Amino acid sequence: MSTLSLLMLFSGIATIALIACYLDAKFQWRLNDWMNGRCDNPFISSETKTLKACIQEKDEKIDALTQRIETLEAIVTEPAYELNKKINAL
């Protein structure tokens, strides 16, 4: 093989890989997984829907925990809480 044909072959493979990465990021088609033998059909979006649901559930938990922390901070920083702590220490 000549140098030109090798260069064209490698650039073609790199172009296909970059396009697959772009389509994976844009549409979640899982083409890279399909090319590496990790999935049967790259266009089935059942796993992406479950992943999105898990991420949404995790975000909701984080929001709930953030609200609880804010409430606890408000309770602890109240002057009445410090007074009650001093009274209990006596």
C-alpha atoms as a PDB file:
ATOM      1  CA  MET A   1       0.000   0.000   0.000  1.00  0.00           C
ATOM      2  CA  SER A   2       1.217   3.427  -0.787  1.00  0.00           C
ATOM      3  CA  THR A   3       1.549   6.234   1.719  1.00  0.00           C
ATOM      4  CA  LEU A   4      -1.421   8.056   0.226  1.00  0.00           C
ATOM      5  CA  SER A   5      -3.737   5.063   0.536  1.00  0.00           C
ATOM      6  CA  LEU A   6      -2.670   4.487   4.158  1.00  0.00           C
ATOM      7  CA  LEU A   7      -3.265   8.143   4.937  1.00  0.00           C
ATOM      8  CA  MET A   8      -6.707   8.015   3.325  1.00  0.00           C
ATOM      9  CA  LEU A   9      -7.570   4.824   5.220  1.00  0.00           C
ATOM     10  CA  PHE A  10      -6.597   6.237   8.622  1.00  0.00           C
ATOM     11  CA  SER A  11      -8.310   9.564   7.962  1.00  0.00           C
ATOM     12  CA  GLY A  12     -11.474   7.741   6.878  1.00  0.00           C
ATOM     13  CA  ILE A  13     -11.495   5.651  10.050  1.00  0.00           C
ATOM     14  CA  ALA A  14     -10.889   8.742  12.176  1.00  0.00           C
ATOM     15  CA  THR A  15     -13.702  10.590  10.397  1.00  0.00           C
ATOM     16  CA  ILE A  16     -16.143   7.728  10.983  1.00  0.00           C
ATOM     17  CA  ALA A  17     -15.161   7.572  14.664  1.00  0.00           C
ATOM     18  CA  LEU A  18     -15.610  11.336  15.101  1.00  0.00           C
ATOM     19  CA  ILE A  19     -19.007  11.289  13.393  1.00  0.00           C
ATOM     20  CA  ALA A  20     -20.085   8.384  15.613  1.00  0.00           C
ATOM     21  CA  CYS A  21     -18.952  10.297  18.721  1.00  0.00           C
ATOM     22  CA  TYR A  22     -20.894  13.360  17.592  1.00  0.00           C
ATOM     23  CA  LEU A  23     -24.066  11.350  16.942  1.00  0.00           C
ATOM     24  CA  ASP A  24     -23.704   9.605  20.314  1.00  0.00           C
ATOM     25  CA  ALA A  25     -23.439  12.933  22.094  1.00  0.00           C
ATOM     26  CA  LYS A  26     -26.224  14.614  20.129  1.00  0.00           C
ATOM     27  CA  PHE A  27     -28.832  11.845  19.821  1.00  0.00           C
ATOM     28  CA  GLN A  28     -27.645   9.118  22.286  1.00  0.00           C
ATOM     29  CA  TRP A  29     -27.552   6.543  19.480  1.00  0.00           C
ATOM     30  CA  ARG A  30     -24.821   4.427  21.147  1.00  0.00           C
ATOM     31  CA  LEU A  31     -22.961   3.906  17.865  1.00  0.00           C
ATOM     32  CA  ASN A  32     -19.585   3.561  19.601  1.00  0.00           C
ATOM     33  CA  ASP A  33     -21.013   0.822  21.823  1.00  0.00           C
ATOM     34  CA  TRP A  34     -22.351  -0.925  18.737  1.00  0.00           C
ATOM     35  CA  MET A  35     -19.009  -0.668  16.922  1.00  0.00           C
ATOM     36  CA  ASN A  36     -17.255  -2.116  19.990  1.00  0.00           C
ATOM     37  CA  GLY A  37     -19.767  -4.975  20.337  1.00  0.00           C
ATOM     38  CA  ARG A  38     -21.420  -3.811  23.567  1.00  0.00           C
ATOM     39  CA  CYS A  39     -25.013  -3.550  22.280  1.00  0.00           C
ATOM     40  CA  ASP A  40     -27.175  -5.254  19.676  1.00  0.00           C
ATOM     41  CA  ASN A  41     -29.065  -2.278  18.265  1.00  0.00           C
ATOM     42  CA  PRO A  42     -27.653   1.227  18.682  1.00  0.00           C
ATOM     43  CA  PHE A  43     -31.017   2.892  18.042  1.00  0.00           C
ATOM     44  CA  ILE A  44     -32.902   1.341  20.983  1.00  0.00           C
ATOM     45  CA  SER A  45     -33.389   4.121  23.465  1.00  0.00           C
ATOM     46  CA  SER A  46     -34.756   2.061  26.374  1.00  0.00           C
ATOM     47  CA  GLU A  47     -31.514   2.274  28.306  1.00  0.00           C
ATOM     48  CA  THR A  48     -31.194   5.996  27.715  1.00  0.00           C
ATOM     49  CA  LYS A  49     -34.718   6.531  29.050  1.00  0.00           C
ATOM     50  CA  THR A  50     -33.926   4.559  32.206  1.00  0.00           C
ATOM     51  CA  LEU A  51     -30.663   6.457  32.611  1.00  0.00           C
ATOM     52  CA  LYS A  52     -32.487   9.775  32.266  1.00  0.00           C
ATOM     53  CA  ALA A  53     -35.041   8.618  34.839  1.00  0.00           C
ATOM     54  CA  CYS A  54     -32.266   7.635  37.255  1.00  0.00           C
ATOM     55  CA  ILE A  55     -30.556  10.977  36.782  1.00  0.00           C
ATOM     56  CA  GLN A  56     -33.819  12.828  37.364  1.00  0.00           C
ATOM     57  CA  GLU A  57     -34.483  10.788  40.515  1.00  0.00           C
ATOM     58  CA  LYS A  58     -30.971  11.531  41.770  1.00  0.00           C
ATOM     59  CA  ASP A  59     -31.442  15.244  41.089  1.00  0.00           C
ATOM     60  CA  GLU A  60     -34.712  15.212  43.057  1.00  0.00           C
ATOM     61  CA  LYS A  61     -32.977  13.511  45.993  1.00  0.00           C
ATOM     62  CA  ILE A  62     -30.189  16.075  45.909  1.00  0.00           C
ATOM     63  CA  ASP A  63     -32.737  18.902  45.915  1.00  0.00           C
ATOM     64  CA  ALA A  64     -34.586  17.349  48.873  1.00  0.00           C
ATOM     65  CA  LEU A  65     -31.357  16.885  50.822  1.00  0.00           C
ATOM     66  CA  THR A  66     -30.312  20.451  50.062  1.00  0.00           C
ATOM     67  CA  GLN A  67     -33.609  21.715  51.455  1.00  0.00           C
ATOM     68  CA  ARG A  68     -33.161  19.612  54.596  1.00  0.00           C
ATOM     69  CA  ILE A  69     -29.637  20.963  55.107  1.00  0.00           C
ATOM     70  CA  GLU A  70     -30.882  24.533  54.713  1.00  0.00           C
ATOM     71  CA  THR A  71     -33.580  23.866  57.321  1.00  0.00           C
ATOM     72  CA  LEU A  72     -31.051  22.380  59.740  1.00  0.00           C
ATOM     73  CA  GLU A  73     -28.720  25.339  59.224  1.00  0.00           C
ATOM     74  CA  ALA A  74     -31.579  27.715  59.966  1.00  0.00           C
ATOM     75  CA  ILE A  75     -32.422  25.826  63.173  1.00  0.00           C
ATOM     76  CA  VAL A  76     -28.831  25.621  64.390  1.00  0.00           C
ATOM     77  CA  THR A  77     -28.053  29.280  63.733  1.00  0.00           C
ATOM     78  CA  GLU A  78     -31.121  30.519  65.651  1.00  0.00           C
ATOM     79  CA  PRO A  79     -30.315  32.318  68.917  1.00  0.00           C
ATOM     80  CA  ALA A  80     -32.990  30.270  70.730  1.00  0.00           C
ATOM     81  CA  TYR A  81     -31.144  27.060  69.829  1.00  0.00           C
ATOM     82  CA  GLU A  82     -27.939  28.339  71.447  1.00  0.00           C
ATOM     83  CA  LEU A  83     -29.830  29.409  74.564  1.00  0.00           C
ATOM     84  CA  ASN A  84     -31.528  26.017  74.800  1.00  0.00           C
ATOM     85  CA  LYS A  85     -28.123  24.304  74.414  1.00  0.00           C
ATOM     86  CA  LYS A  86     -26.647  26.418  77.232  1.00  0.00           C
ATOM     87  CA  ILE A  87     -29.626  25.658  79.483  1.00  0.00           C
ATOM     88  CA  ASN A  88     -29.276  21.929  78.825  1.00  0.00           C
ATOM     89  CA  ALA A  89     -25.558  22.117  79.557  1.00  0.00           C
ATOM     90  CA  LEU A  90     -26.280  23.462  83.043  1.00  0.00           C
END
